[in-house]
Amino acid sequence: MEQEKRREKRKQEEQEVELEVCKDTASQQQVNYDKFTAFTENLSLNGVKVKSSKYYPVDTVLKIRLPVLKKKSISLRGKVRWVKNIKEEKKFGMGIEFMDTLPAEFIALMEHLYGASKSSQ
């Protein structure tokens, strides 16, 4: 039996997210591409698995606008760690690892995943 390698437990969650390329892997230049949507499959404090009709290679840096807690959304940066072609759906699965997460974003993500603390209610 294969041992789980993830650092954090993942929450199964399907929701629409907005993605935007921040850095092209080939040229390592900052770029401004059009935004596109994808759907999450699971989410953790360290990353997200998405399904999209767009392909981006490993090491592409993306900005992810993720809806959390009661219509609030946070913007996170992440790097594509793996890509899988899902031929039967004409889509790509991508594992994106979060990077440079600010404390406020991290707290909002933690509250989304684990629920707000009782003392803040």
PDB file of N, CA and C in Angstrom:
ATOM      1  N   MET A   1       0.837  -1.181   0.000  1.00  0.00           N
ATOM      2  CA  MET A   1       0.000   0.000   0.000  1.00  0.00           C
ATOM      3  C   MET A   1       0.886   1.250   0.000  1.00  0.00           C
ATOM      4  N   GLU A   2       0.607   2.193  -0.909  1.00  0.00           N
ATOM      5  CA  GLU A   2       1.410   3.398  -1.032  1.00  0.00           C
ATOM      6  C   GLU A   2       1.092   4.371   0.100  1.00  0.00           C
ATOM      7  N   GLN A   3       2.141   4.937   0.673  1.00  0.00           N
ATOM      8  CA  GLN A   3       1.982   5.881   1.778  1.00  0.00           C
ATOM      9  C   GLN A   3       1.645   7.267   1.238  1.00  0.00           C
ATOM     10  N   GLU A   4       0.737   7.948   1.911  1.00  0.00           N
ATOM     11  CA  GLU A   4       0.335   9.315   1.556  1.00  0.00           C
ATOM     12  C   GLU A   4       1.519  10.250   1.764  1.00  0.00           C
ATOM     13  N   LYS A   5       1.849  11.075   0.740  1.00  0.00           N
ATOM     14  CA  LYS A   5       3.002  11.970   0.809  1.00  0.00           C
ATOM     15  C   LYS A   5       2.619  13.414   1.087  1.00  0.00           C
ATOM     16  N   ARG A   6       1.348  13.725   1.079  1.00  0.00           N
ATOM     17  CA  ARG A   6       0.922  15.114   1.278  1.00  0.00           C
ATOM     18  C   ARG A   6       1.156  15.551   2.710  1.00  0.00           C
ATOM     19  N   ARG A   7       1.483  16.847   2.859  1.00  0.00           N
ATOM     20  CA  ARG A   7       1.725  17.409   4.188  1.00  0.00           C
ATOM     21  C   ARG A   7       0.425  17.723   4.899  1.00  0.00           C
ATOM     22  N   GLU A   8      -0.615  18.089   4.143  1.00  0.00           N
ATOM     23  CA  GLU A   8      -1.894  18.481   4.720  1.00  0.00           C
ATOM     24  C   GLU A   8      -3.020  17.649   4.123  1.00  0.00           C
ATOM     25  N   LYS A   9      -4.035  17.405   4.927  1.00  0.00           N
ATOM     26  CA  LYS A   9      -5.221  16.709   4.454  1.00  0.00           C
ATOM     27  C   LYS A   9      -5.943  17.601   3.434  1.00  0.00           C
ATOM     28  N   ARG A  10      -6.498  16.983   2.403  1.00  0.00           N
ATOM     29  CA  ARG A  10      -7.200  17.727   1.370  1.00  0.00           C
ATOM     30  C   ARG A  10      -8.704  17.629   1.565  1.00  0.00           C
ATOM     31  N   LYS A  11      -9.378  18.741   1.274  1.00  0.00           N
ATOM     32  CA  LYS A  11     -10.840  18.805   1.342  1.00  0.00           C
ATOM     33  C   LYS A  11     -11.373  18.668  -0.078  1.00  0.00           C
ATOM     34  N   GLN A  12     -12.252  17.677  -0.290  1.00  0.00           N
ATOM     35  CA  GLN A  12     -12.885  17.520  -1.602  1.00  0.00           C
ATOM     36  C   GLN A  12     -13.842  18.678  -1.786  1.00  0.00           C
ATOM     37  N   GLU A  13     -13.663  19.423  -2.863  1.00  0.00           N
ATOM     38  CA  GLU A  13     -14.460  20.619  -3.043  1.00  0.00           C
ATOM     39  C   GLU A  13     -14.452  21.005  -4.514  1.00  0.00           C
ATOM     40  N   GLU A  14     -15.632  21.135  -5.086  1.00  0.00           N
ATOM     41  CA  GLU A  14     -15.714  21.578  -6.477  1.00  0.00           C
ATOM     42  C   GLU A  14     -16.321  22.968  -6.518  1.00  0.00           C
ATOM     43  N   GLN A  15     -15.519  23.915  -6.985  1.00  0.00           N
ATOM     44  CA  GLN A  15     -16.001  25.280  -7.160  1.00  0.00           C
ATOM     45  C   GLN A  15     -15.204  25.946  -8.276  1.00  0.00           C
ATOM     46  N   GLU A  16     -15.819  26.928  -8.887  1.00  0.00           N
ATOM     47  CA  GLU A  16     -15.165  27.645  -9.972  1.00  0.00           C
ATOM     48  C   GLU A  16     -14.138  28.621  -9.409  1.00  0.00           C
ATOM     49  N   VAL A  17     -12.955  28.641 -10.020  1.00  0.00           N
ATOM     50  CA  VAL A  17     -11.901  29.572  -9.632  1.00  0.00           C
ATOM     51  C   VAL A  17     -11.391  30.285 -10.877  1.00  0.00           C
ATOM     52  N   GLU A  18     -10.807  31.436 -10.668  1.00  0.00           N
ATOM     53  CA  GLU A  18     -10.228  32.209 -11.765  1.00  0.00           C
ATOM     54  C   GLU A  18      -8.712  32.068 -11.686  1.00  0.00           C
ATOM     55  N   LEU A  19      -8.085  31.748 -12.817  1.00  0.00           N
ATOM     56  CA  LEU A  19      -6.640  31.595 -12.878  1.00  0.00           C
ATOM     57  C   LEU A  19      -6.061  32.592 -13.874  1.00  0.00           C
ATOM     58  N   GLU A  20      -4.836  33.014 -13.606  1.00  0.00           N
ATOM     59  CA  GLU A  20      -4.141  33.931 -14.502  1.00  0.00           C
ATOM     60  C   GLU A  20      -2.651  33.603 -14.450  1.00  0.00           C
ATOM     61  N   VAL A  21      -2.022  33.530 -15.610  1.00  0.00           N
ATOM     62  CA  VAL A  21      -0.592  33.219 -15.653  1.00  0.00           C
ATOM     63  C   VAL A  21       0.200  34.433 -15.175  1.00  0.00           C
ATOM     64  N   CYS A  22       1.125  34.196 -14.239  1.00  0.00           N
ATOM     65  CA  CYS A  22       1.988  35.269 -13.724  1.00  0.00           C
ATOM     66  C   CYS A  22       3.372  35.212 -14.358  1.00  0.00           C
ATOM     67  N   LYS A  23       3.877  34.002 -14.602  1.00  0.00           N
ATOM     68  CA  LYS A  23       5.233  33.873 -15.136  1.00  0.00           C
ATOM     69  C   LYS A  23       5.265  32.732 -16.146  1.00  0.00           C
ATOM     70  N   ASP A  24       5.779  33.024 -17.331  1.00  0.00           N
ATOM     71  CA  ASP A  24       5.932  32.037 -18.398  1.00  0.00           C
ATOM     72  C   ASP A  24       7.137  31.164 -18.059  1.00  0.00           C
ATOM     73  N   THR A  25       6.979  29.848 -18.128  1.00  0.00           N
ATOM     74  CA  THR A  25       8.070  28.946 -17.755  1.00  0.00           C
ATOM     75  C   THR A  25       9.211  28.958 -18.756  1.00  0.00           C
ATOM     76  N   ALA A  26       8.912  29.136 -20.031  1.00  0.00           N
ATOM     77  CA  ALA A  26       9.964  29.096 -21.052  1.00  0.00           C
ATOM     78  C   ALA A  26      10.882  30.309 -20.957  1.00  0.00           C
ATOM     79  N   SER A  27      10.305  31.495 -20.876  1.00  0.00           N
ATOM     80  CA  SER A  27      11.113  32.718 -20.873  1.00  0.00           C
ATOM     81  C   SER A  27      11.408  33.247 -19.474  1.00  0.00           C
ATOM     82  N   GLN A  28      10.679  32.756 -18.471  1.00  0.00           N
ATOM     83  CA  GLN A  28      10.777  33.239 -17.090  1.00  0.00           C
ATOM     84  C   GLN A  28      10.462  34.730 -16.993  1.00  0.00           C
ATOM     85  N   GLN A  29       9.682  35.231 -17.920  1.00  0.00           N
ATOM     86  CA  GLN A  29       9.274  36.630 -17.931  1.00  0.00           C
ATOM     87  C   GLN A  29       7.895  36.772 -17.307  1.00  0.00           C
ATOM     88  N   GLN A  30       7.679  37.895 -16.652  1.00  0.00           N
ATOM     89  CA  GLN A  30       6.343  38.216 -16.157  1.00  0.00           C
ATOM     90  C   GLN A  30       5.456  38.455 -17.371  1.00  0.00           C
ATOM     91  N   VAL A  31       4.246  37.926 -17.345  1.00  0.00           N
ATOM     92  CA  VAL A  31       3.322  38.081 -18.467  1.00  0.00           C
ATOM     93  C   VAL A  31       1.946  38.434 -17.944  1.00  0.00           C
ATOM     94  N   ASN A  32       1.123  38.987 -18.786  1.00  0.00           N
ATOM     95  CA  ASN A  32      -0.267  39.256 -18.452  1.00  0.00           C
ATOM     96  C   ASN A  32      -1.150  38.606 -19.495  1.00  0.00           C
ATOM     97  N   TYR A  33      -1.584  37.406 -19.245  1.00  0.00           N
ATOM     98  CA  TYR A  33      -2.495  36.707 -20.126  1.00  0.00           C
ATOM     99  C   TYR A  33      -3.919  36.965 -19.663  1.00  0.00           C
ATOM    100  N   ASP A  34      -4.855  36.659 -20.526  1.00  0.00           N
ATOM    101  CA  ASP A  34      -6.249  36.739 -20.135  1.00  0.00           C
ATOM    102  C   ASP A  34      -6.515  35.753 -19.006  1.00  0.00           C
ATOM    103  N   LYS A  35      -7.453  36.103 -18.195  1.00  0.00           N
ATOM    104  CA  LYS A  35      -7.864  35.222 -17.108  1.00  0.00           C
ATOM    105  C   LYS A  35      -8.722  34.105 -17.686  1.00  0.00           C
ATOM    106  N   PHE A  36      -8.710  32.956 -17.024  1.00  0.00           N
ATOM    107  CA  PHE A  36      -9.555  31.849 -17.435  1.00  0.00           C
ATOM    108  C   PHE A  36     -10.077  31.145 -16.201  1.00  0.00           C
ATOM    109  N   THR A  37     -11.112  30.358 -16.377  1.00  0.00           N
ATOM    110  CA  THR A  37     -11.696  29.669 -15.230  1.00  0.00           C
ATOM    111  C   THR A  37     -11.330  28.188 -15.244  1.00  0.00           C
ATOM    112  N   ALA A  38     -11.357  27.628 -14.069  1.00  0.00           N
ATOM    113  CA  ALA A  38     -11.119  26.208 -13.856  1.00  0.00           C
ATOM    114  C   ALA A  38     -12.016  25.795 -12.694  1.00  0.00           C
ATOM    115  N   PHE A  39     -12.043  24.510 -12.410  1.00  0.00           N
ATOM    116  CA  PHE A  39     -12.822  24.004 -11.286  1.00  0.00           C
ATOM    117  C   PHE A  39     -11.919  23.232 -10.340  1.00  0.00           C
ATOM    118  N   THR A  40     -12.048  23.523  -9.050  1.00  0.00           N
ATOM    119  CA  THR A  40     -11.250  22.803  -8.064  1.00  0.00           C
ATOM    120  C   THR A  40     -11.820  21.391  -7.906  1.00  0.00           C
ATOM    121  N   GLU A  41     -10.944  20.475  -7.552  1.00  0.00           N
ATOM    122  CA  GLU A  41     -11.365  19.122  -7.179  1.00  0.00           C
ATOM    123  C   GLU A  41     -11.097  18.885  -5.708  1.00  0.00           C
ATOM    124  N   ASN A  42      -9.944  19.370  -5.234  1.00  0.00           N
ATOM    125  CA  ASN A  42      -9.649  19.312  -3.809  1.00  0.00           C
ATOM    126  C   ASN A  42      -8.707  20.445  -3.455  1.00  0.00           C
ATOM    127  N   LEU A  43      -8.655  20.735  -2.155  1.00  0.00           N
ATOM    128  CA  LEU A  43      -7.971  21.928  -1.675  1.00  0.00           C
ATOM    129  C   LEU A  43      -7.340  21.641  -0.323  1.00  0.00           C
ATOM    130  N   SER A  44      -6.144  22.190  -0.113  1.00  0.00           N
ATOM    131  CA  SER A  44      -5.495  22.104   1.202  1.00  0.00           C
ATOM    132  C   SER A  44      -4.813  23.429   1.487  1.00  0.00           C
ATOM    133  N   LEU A  45      -4.177  23.517   2.640  1.00  0.00           N
ATOM    134  CA  LEU A  45      -3.434  24.728   2.977  1.00  0.00           C
ATOM    135  C   LEU A  45      -2.223  24.921   2.067  1.00  0.00           C
ATOM    136  N   ASN A  46      -1.752  23.830   1.470  1.00  0.00           N
ATOM    137  CA  ASN A  46      -0.547  23.893   0.646  1.00  0.00           C
ATOM    138  C   ASN A  46      -0.798  23.977  -0.852  1.00  0.00           C
ATOM    139  N   GLY A  47      -2.010  23.626  -1.299  1.00  0.00           N
ATOM    140  CA  GLY A  47      -2.233  23.627  -2.732  1.00  0.00           C
ATOM    141  C   GLY A  47      -3.646  23.242  -3.121  1.00  0.00           C
ATOM    142  N   VAL A  48      -3.846  23.163  -4.438  1.00  0.00           N
ATOM    143  CA  VAL A  48      -5.160  22.875  -4.983  1.00  0.00           C
ATOM    144  C   VAL A  48      -5.003  22.026  -6.244  1.00  0.00           C
ATOM    145  N   LYS A  49      -5.959  21.149  -6.453  1.00  0.00           N
ATOM    146  CA  LYS A  49      -6.031  20.387  -7.700  1.00  0.00           C
ATOM    147  C   LYS A  49      -7.175  20.987  -8.498  1.00  0.00           C
ATOM    148  N   VAL A  50      -6.889  21.369  -9.748  1.00  0.00           N
ATOM    149  CA  VAL A  50      -7.908  21.971 -10.600  1.00  0.00           C
ATOM    150  C   VAL A  50      -8.041  21.181 -11.897  1.00  0.00           C
ATOM    151  N   LYS A  51      -9.181  21.390 -12.544  1.00  0.00           N
ATOM    152  CA  LYS A  51      -9.438  20.814 -13.859  1.00  0.00           C
ATOM    153  C   LYS A  51      -9.763  21.973 -14.784  1.00  0.00           C
ATOM    154  N   SER A  52      -9.092  22.026 -15.945  1.00  0.00           N
ATOM    155  CA  SER A  52      -9.239  23.155 -16.851  1.00  0.00           C
ATOM    156  C   SER A  52      -9.134  22.697 -18.302  1.00  0.00           C
ATOM    157  N   SER A  53      -9.698  23.476 -19.196  1.00  0.00           N
ATOM    158  CA  SER A  53      -9.542  23.198 -20.629  1.00  0.00           C
ATOM    159  C   SER A  53      -8.212  23.740 -21.141  1.00  0.00           C
ATOM    160  N   LYS A  54      -7.528  24.542 -20.341  1.00  0.00           N
ATOM    161  CA  LYS A  54      -6.234  25.121 -20.717  1.00  0.00           C
ATOM    162  C   LYS A  54      -5.105  24.283 -20.127  1.00  0.00           C
ATOM    163  N   TYR A  55      -4.037  24.165 -20.899  1.00  0.00           N
ATOM    164  CA  TYR A  55      -2.838  23.442 -20.466  1.00  0.00           C
ATOM    165  C   TYR A  55      -1.739  24.442 -20.108  1.00  0.00           C
ATOM    166  N   TYR A  56      -1.103  24.228 -18.976  1.00  0.00           N
ATOM    167  CA  TYR A  56       0.078  24.992 -18.608  1.00  0.00           C
ATOM    168  C   TYR A  56       1.122  24.026 -18.083  1.00  0.00           C
ATOM    169  N   PRO A  57       2.376  24.162 -18.531  1.00  0.00           N
ATOM    170  CA  PRO A  57       3.414  23.213 -18.137  1.00  0.00           C
ATOM    171  C   PRO A  57       3.826  23.349 -16.674  1.00  0.00           C
ATOM    172  N   VAL A  58       4.493  22.322 -16.196  1.00  0.00           N
ATOM    173  CA  VAL A  58       5.051  22.316 -14.845  1.00  0.00           C
ATOM    174  C   VAL A  58       5.940  23.547 -14.679  1.00  0.00           C
ATOM    175  N   ASP A  59       5.888  24.143 -13.505  1.00  0.00           N
ATOM    176  CA  ASP A  59       6.639  25.331 -13.089  1.00  0.00           C
ATOM    177  C   ASP A  59       6.015  26.643 -13.544  1.00  0.00           C
ATOM    178  N   THR A  60       4.888  26.612 -14.252  1.00  0.00           N
ATOM    179  CA  THR A  60       4.188  27.849 -14.578  1.00  0.00           C
ATOM    180  C   THR A  60       3.642  28.439 -13.283  1.00  0.00           C
ATOM    181  N   VAL A  61       3.815  29.740 -13.088  1.00  0.00           N
ATOM    182  CA  VAL A  61       3.301  30.416 -11.894  1.00  0.00           C
ATOM    183  C   VAL A  61       1.959  31.050 -12.241  1.00  0.00           C
ATOM    184  N   LEU A  62       0.945  30.734 -11.441  1.00  0.00           N
ATOM    185  CA  LEU A  62      -0.417  31.212 -11.668  1.00  0.00           C
ATOM    186  C   LEU A  62      -0.916  32.014 -10.485  1.00  0.00           C
ATOM    187  N   LYS A  63      -1.779  32.990 -10.765  1.00  0.00           N
ATOM    188  CA  LYS A  63      -2.517  33.665  -9.701  1.00  0.00           C
ATOM    189  C   LYS A  63      -3.887  33.005  -9.664  1.00  0.00           C
ATOM    190  N   ILE A  64      -4.336  32.612  -8.473  1.00  0.00           N
ATOM    191  CA  ILE A  64      -5.582  31.886  -8.283  1.00  0.00           C
ATOM    192  C   ILE A  64      -6.518  32.735  -7.436  1.00  0.00           C
ATOM    193  N   ARG A  65      -7.678  33.034  -7.964  1.00  0.00           N
ATOM    194  CA  ARG A  65      -8.697  33.767  -7.192  1.00  0.00           C
ATOM    195  C   ARG A  65      -9.689  32.721  -6.709  1.00  0.00           C
ATOM    196  N   LEU A  66      -9.680  32.487  -5.407  1.00  0.00           N
ATOM    197  CA  LEU A  66     -10.413  31.387  -4.794  1.00  0.00           C
ATOM    198  C   LEU A  66     -11.525  31.902  -3.898  1.00  0.00           C
ATOM    199  N   PRO A  67     -12.785  31.549  -4.199  1.00  0.00           N
ATOM    200  CA  PRO A  67     -13.880  31.964  -3.310  1.00  0.00           C
ATOM    201  C   PRO A  67     -13.804  31.198  -1.990  1.00  0.00           C
ATOM    202  N   VAL A  68     -13.911  31.933  -0.893  1.00  0.00           N
ATOM    203  CA  VAL A  68     -13.932  31.317   0.432  1.00  0.00           C
ATOM    204  C   VAL A  68     -15.011  31.997   1.254  1.00  0.00           C
ATOM    205  N   LEU A  69     -15.294  31.472   2.382  1.00  0.00           N
ATOM    206  CA  LEU A  69     -16.211  32.027   3.377  1.00  0.00           C
ATOM    207  C   LEU A  69     -17.180  33.110   2.904  1.00  0.00           C
ATOM    208  N   LYS A  70     -18.399  32.730   2.691  1.00  0.00           N
ATOM    209  CA  LYS A  70     -19.505  33.663   2.430  1.00  0.00           C
ATOM    210  C   LYS A  70     -19.200  34.701   1.350  1.00  0.00           C
ATOM    211  N   LYS A  71     -18.897  34.238   0.179  1.00  0.00           N
ATOM    212  CA  LYS A  71     -18.707  35.080  -1.007  1.00  0.00           C
ATOM    213  C   LYS A  71     -17.443  35.931  -0.994  1.00  0.00           C
ATOM    214  N   LYS A  72     -16.600  35.788   0.016  1.00  0.00           N
ATOM    215  CA  LYS A  72     -15.316  36.469   0.024  1.00  0.00           C
ATOM    216  C   LYS A  72     -14.363  35.643  -0.842  1.00  0.00           C
ATOM    217  N   SER A  73     -13.397  36.290  -1.473  1.00  0.00           N
ATOM    218  CA  SER A  73     -12.412  35.520  -2.222  1.00  0.00           C
ATOM    219  C   SER A  73     -11.016  36.013  -1.861  1.00  0.00           C
ATOM    220  N   ILE A  74     -10.044  35.118  -2.046  1.00  0.00           N
ATOM    221  CA  ILE A  74      -8.655  35.462  -1.796  1.00  0.00           C
ATOM    222  C   ILE A  74      -7.851  35.187  -3.059  1.00  0.00           C
ATOM    223  N   SER A  75      -6.770  35.917  -3.234  1.00  0.00           N
ATOM    224  CA  SER A  75      -5.867  35.698  -4.360  1.00  0.00           C
ATOM    225  C   SER A  75      -4.590  35.067  -3.836  1.00  0.00           C
ATOM    226  N   LEU A  76      -4.242  33.942  -4.424  1.00  0.00           N
ATOM    227  CA  LEU A  76      -3.045  33.210  -4.036  1.00  0.00           C
ATOM    228  C   LEU A  76      -2.169  33.008  -5.265  1.00  0.00           C
ATOM    229  N   ARG A  77      -0.872  32.886  -5.048  1.00  0.00           N
ATOM    230  CA  ARG A  77       0.023  32.513  -6.144  1.00  0.00           C
ATOM    231  C   ARG A  77       0.424  31.063  -5.937  1.00  0.00           C
ATOM    232  N   GLY A  78       0.540  30.349  -7.055  1.00  0.00           N
ATOM    233  CA  GLY A  78       0.948  28.962  -6.971  1.00  0.00           C
ATOM    234  C   GLY A  78       1.716  28.530  -8.196  1.00  0.00           C
ATOM    235  N   LYS A  79       2.450  27.444  -8.048  1.00  0.00           N
ATOM    236  CA  LYS A  79       3.258  26.900  -9.131  1.00  0.00           C
ATOM    237  C   LYS A  79       2.702  25.544  -9.534  1.00  0.00           C
ATOM    238  N   VAL A  80       2.543  25.327 -10.838  1.00  0.00           N
ATOM    239  CA  VAL A  80       2.069  24.039 -11.345  1.00  0.00           C
ATOM    240  C   VAL A  80       3.136  22.995 -11.052  1.00  0.00           C
ATOM    241  N   ARG A  81       2.758  21.950 -10.322  1.00  0.00           N
ATOM    242  CA  ARG A  81       3.693  20.881  -9.943  1.00  0.00           C
ATOM    243  C   ARG A  81       3.541  19.636 -10.809  1.00  0.00           C
ATOM    244  N   TRP A  82       2.331  19.392 -11.315  1.00  0.00           N
ATOM    245  CA  TRP A  82       2.102  18.261 -12.217  1.00  0.00           C
ATOM    246  C   TRP A  82       0.887  18.555 -13.085  1.00  0.00           C
ATOM    247  N   VAL A  83       0.843  17.899 -14.255  1.00  0.00           N
ATOM    248  CA  VAL A  83      -0.270  18.060 -15.195  1.00  0.00           C
ATOM    249  C   VAL A  83      -0.633  16.677 -15.724  1.00  0.00           C
ATOM    250  N   LYS A  84      -1.924  16.432 -15.847  1.00  0.00           N
ATOM    251  CA  LYS A  84      -2.423  15.162 -16.383  1.00  0.00           C
ATOM    252  C   LYS A  84      -3.459  15.471 -17.460  1.00  0.00           C
ATOM    253  N   ASN A  85      -3.299  14.857 -18.623  1.00  0.00           N
ATOM    254  CA  ASN A  85      -4.257  15.020 -19.711  1.00  0.00           C
ATOM    255  C   ASN A  85      -5.437  14.081 -19.458  1.00  0.00           C
ATOM    256  N   ILE A  86      -6.640  14.643 -19.343  1.00  0.00           N
ATOM    257  CA  ILE A  86      -7.853  13.844 -19.139  1.00  0.00           C
ATOM    258  C   ILE A  86      -8.561  13.799 -20.494  1.00  0.00           C
ATOM    259  N   LYS A  87      -8.123  12.890 -21.348  1.00  0.00           N
ATOM    260  CA  LYS A  87      -8.558  12.855 -22.742  1.00  0.00           C
ATOM    261  C   LYS A  87     -10.063  12.717 -22.908  1.00  0.00           C
ATOM    262  N   GLU A  88     -10.687  11.868 -22.097  1.00  0.00           N
ATOM    263  CA  GLU A  88     -12.127  11.628 -22.249  1.00  0.00           C
ATOM    264  C   GLU A  88     -12.968  12.874 -21.952  1.00  0.00           C
ATOM    265  N   GLU A  89     -12.429  13.808 -21.200  1.00  0.00           N
ATOM    266  CA  GLU A  89     -13.145  15.051 -20.872  1.00  0.00           C
ATOM    267  C   GLU A  89     -12.599  16.255 -21.646  1.00  0.00           C
ATOM    268  N   LYS A  90     -11.536  16.030 -22.420  1.00  0.00           N
ATOM    269  CA  LYS A  90     -10.847  17.117 -23.132  1.00  0.00           C
ATOM    270  C   LYS A  90     -10.448  18.236 -22.170  1.00  0.00           C
ATOM    271  N   LYS A  91      -9.873  17.818 -21.043  1.00  0.00           N
ATOM    272  CA  LYS A  91      -9.431  18.755 -20.010  1.00  0.00           C
ATOM    273  C   LYS A  91      -8.073  18.305 -19.472  1.00  0.00           C
ATOM    274  N   PHE A  92      -7.499  19.166 -18.640  1.00  0.00           N
ATOM    275  CA  PHE A  92      -6.229  18.877 -17.989  1.00  0.00           C
ATOM    276  C   PHE A  92      -6.401  18.999 -16.486  1.00  0.00           C
ATOM    277  N   GLY A  93      -5.885  18.053 -15.748  1.00  0.00           N
ATOM    278  CA  GLY A  93      -5.820  18.139 -14.292  1.00  0.00           C
ATOM    279  C   GLY A  93      -4.465  18.723 -13.938  1.00  0.00           C
ATOM    280  N   MET A  94      -4.455  19.651 -12.990  1.00  0.00           N
ATOM    281  CA  MET A  94      -3.191  20.266 -12.576  1.00  0.00           C
ATOM    282  C   MET A  94      -3.114  20.338 -11.059  1.00  0.00           C
ATOM    283  N   GLY A  95      -1.973  19.970 -10.534  1.00  0.00           N
ATOM    284  CA  GLY A  95      -1.691  20.161  -9.122  1.00  0.00           C
ATOM    285  C   GLY A  95      -0.905  21.450  -8.960  1.00  0.00           C
ATOM    286  N   ILE A  96      -1.428  22.357  -8.160  1.00  0.00           N
ATOM    287  CA  ILE A  96      -0.801  23.669  -7.984  1.00  0.00           C
ATOM    288  C   ILE A  96      -0.424  23.832  -6.515  1.00  0.00           C
ATOM    289  N   GLU A  97       0.852  24.077  -6.264  1.00  0.00           N
ATOM    290  CA  GLU A  97       1.340  24.302  -4.905  1.00  0.00           C
ATOM    291  C   GLU A  97       1.367  25.799  -4.626  1.00  0.00           C
ATOM    292  N   PHE A  98       0.739  26.216  -3.521  1.00  0.00           N
ATOM    293  CA  PHE A  98       0.722  27.628  -3.160  1.00  0.00           C
ATOM    294  C   PHE A  98       2.125  28.091  -2.786  1.00  0.00           C
ATOM    295  N   MET A  99       2.412  29.361  -3.076  1.00  0.00           N
ATOM    296  CA  MET A  99       3.714  29.939  -2.742  1.00  0.00           C
ATOM    297  C   MET A  99       3.522  31.375  -2.275  1.00  0.00           C
ATOM    298  N   ASP A 100       4.367  31.833  -1.406  1.00  0.00           N
ATOM    299  CA  ASP A 100       4.349  33.228  -0.935  1.00  0.00           C
ATOM    300  C   ASP A 100       2.989  33.629  -0.369  1.00  0.00           C
ATOM    301  N   THR A 101       2.342  32.758   0.366  1.00  0.00           N
ATOM    302  CA  THR A 101       1.015  33.056   0.917  1.00  0.00           C
ATOM    303  C   THR A 101       1.132  34.045   2.068  1.00  0.00           C
ATOM    304  N   LEU A 102       0.406  35.142   1.969  1.00  0.00           N
ATOM    305  CA  LEU A 102       0.407  36.151   3.027  1.00  0.00           C
ATOM    306  C   LEU A 102      -0.386  35.646   4.233  1.00  0.00           C
ATOM    307  N   PRO A 103      -0.077  36.126   5.438  1.00  0.00           N
ATOM    308  CA  PRO A 103      -0.776  35.651   6.635  1.00  0.00           C
ATOM    309  C   PRO A 103      -2.301  35.784   6.559  1.00  0.00           C
ATOM    310  N   ALA A 104      -2.816  36.898   6.068  1.00  0.00           N
ATOM    311  CA  ALA A 104      -4.272  37.087   5.995  1.00  0.00           C
ATOM    312  C   ALA A 104      -4.908  36.074   5.049  1.00  0.00           C
ATOM    313  N   GLU A 105      -4.237  35.782   3.929  1.00  0.00           N
ATOM    314  CA  GLU A 105      -4.746  34.781   2.981  1.00  0.00           C
ATOM    315  C   GLU A 105      -4.714  33.401   3.609  1.00  0.00           C
ATOM    316  N   PHE A 106      -3.622  33.102   4.324  1.00  0.00           N
ATOM    317  CA  PHE A 106      -3.478  31.805   4.972  1.00  0.00           C
ATOM    318  C   PHE A 106      -4.584  31.601   6.008  1.00  0.00           C
ATOM    319  N   ILE A 107      -4.862  32.621   6.799  1.00  0.00           N
ATOM    320  CA  ILE A 107      -5.912  32.534   7.822  1.00  0.00           C
ATOM    321  C   ILE A 107      -7.278  32.332   7.172  1.00  0.00           C
ATOM    322  N   ALA A 108      -7.574  33.088   6.109  1.00  0.00           N
ATOM    323  CA  ALA A 108      -8.855  32.933   5.415  1.00  0.00           C
ATOM    324  C   ALA A 108      -8.990  31.528   4.828  1.00  0.00           C
ATOM    325  N   LEU A 109      -7.913  31.005   4.276  1.00  0.00           N
ATOM    326  CA  LEU A 109      -7.925  29.645   3.728  1.00  0.00           C
ATOM    327  C   LEU A 109      -8.124  28.618   4.839  1.00  0.00           C
ATOM    328  N   MET A 110      -7.454  28.819   5.971  1.00  0.00           N
ATOM    329  CA  MET A 110      -7.602  27.904   7.103  1.00  0.00           C
ATOM    330  C   MET A 110      -9.038  27.910   7.624  1.00  0.00           C
ATOM    331  N   GLU A 111      -9.633  29.086   7.740  1.00  0.00           N
ATOM    332  CA  GLU A 111     -11.029  29.178   8.192  1.00  0.00           C
ATOM    333  C   GLU A 111     -11.970  28.491   7.202  1.00  0.00           C
ATOM    334  N   HIS A 112     -11.684  28.640   5.912  1.00  0.00           N
ATOM    335  CA  HIS A 112     -12.503  27.997   4.885  1.00  0.00           C
ATOM    336  C   HIS A 112     -12.413  26.474   4.999  1.00  0.00           C
ATOM    337  N   LEU A 113     -11.210  25.967   5.209  1.00  0.00           N
ATOM    338  CA  LEU A 113     -11.006  24.522   5.262  1.00  0.00           C
ATOM    339  C   LEU A 113     -11.463  23.895   6.577  1.00  0.00           C
ATOM    340  N   TYR A 114     -11.216  24.588   7.674  1.00  0.00           N
ATOM    341  CA  TYR A 114     -11.445  23.986   8.991  1.00  0.00           C
ATOM    342  C   TYR A 114     -12.537  24.651   9.805  1.00  0.00           C
ATOM    343  N   GLY A 115     -13.138  25.707   9.270  1.00  0.00           N
ATOM    344  CA  GLY A 115     -14.193  26.412   9.995  1.00  0.00           C
ATOM    345  C   GLY A 115     -13.626  27.521  10.850  1.00  0.00           C
ATOM    346  N   ALA A 116     -14.402  28.580  10.997  1.00  0.00           N
ATOM    347  CA  ALA A 116     -13.991  29.712  11.825  1.00  0.00           C
ATOM    348  C   ALA A 116     -13.953  29.274  13.279  1.00  0.00           C
ATOM    349  N   SER A 117     -13.071  29.880  14.040  1.00  0.00           N
ATOM    350  CA  SER A 117     -12.967  29.530  15.450  1.00  0.00           C
ATOM    351  C   SER A 117     -14.226  29.989  16.203  1.00  0.00           C
ATOM    352  N   LYS A 118     -14.550  29.305  17.263  1.00  0.00           N
ATOM    353  CA  LYS A 118     -15.737  29.617  18.066  1.00  0.00           C
ATOM    354  C   LYS A 118     -15.635  31.002  18.709  1.00  0.00           C
ATOM    355  N   SER A 119     -14.411  31.390  19.044  1.00  0.00           N
ATOM    356  CA  SER A 119     -14.235  32.678  19.735  1.00  0.00           C
ATOM    357  C   SER A 119     -14.514  33.882  18.837  1.00  0.00           C
ATOM    358  N   SER A 120     -14.442  33.693  17.509  1.00  0.00           N
ATOM    359  CA  SER A 120     -14.673  34.817  16.602  1.00  0.00           C
ATOM    360  C   SER A 120     -16.143  34.981  16.252  1.00  0.00           C
ATOM    361  N   GLN A 121     -17.015  34.129  16.768  1.00  0.00           N
ATOM    362  CA  GLN A 121     -18.437  34.213  16.440  1.00  0.00           C
ATOM    363  C   GLN A 121     -19.203  35.017  17.452  1.00  0.00           C
TER     364      GLN A 121
END
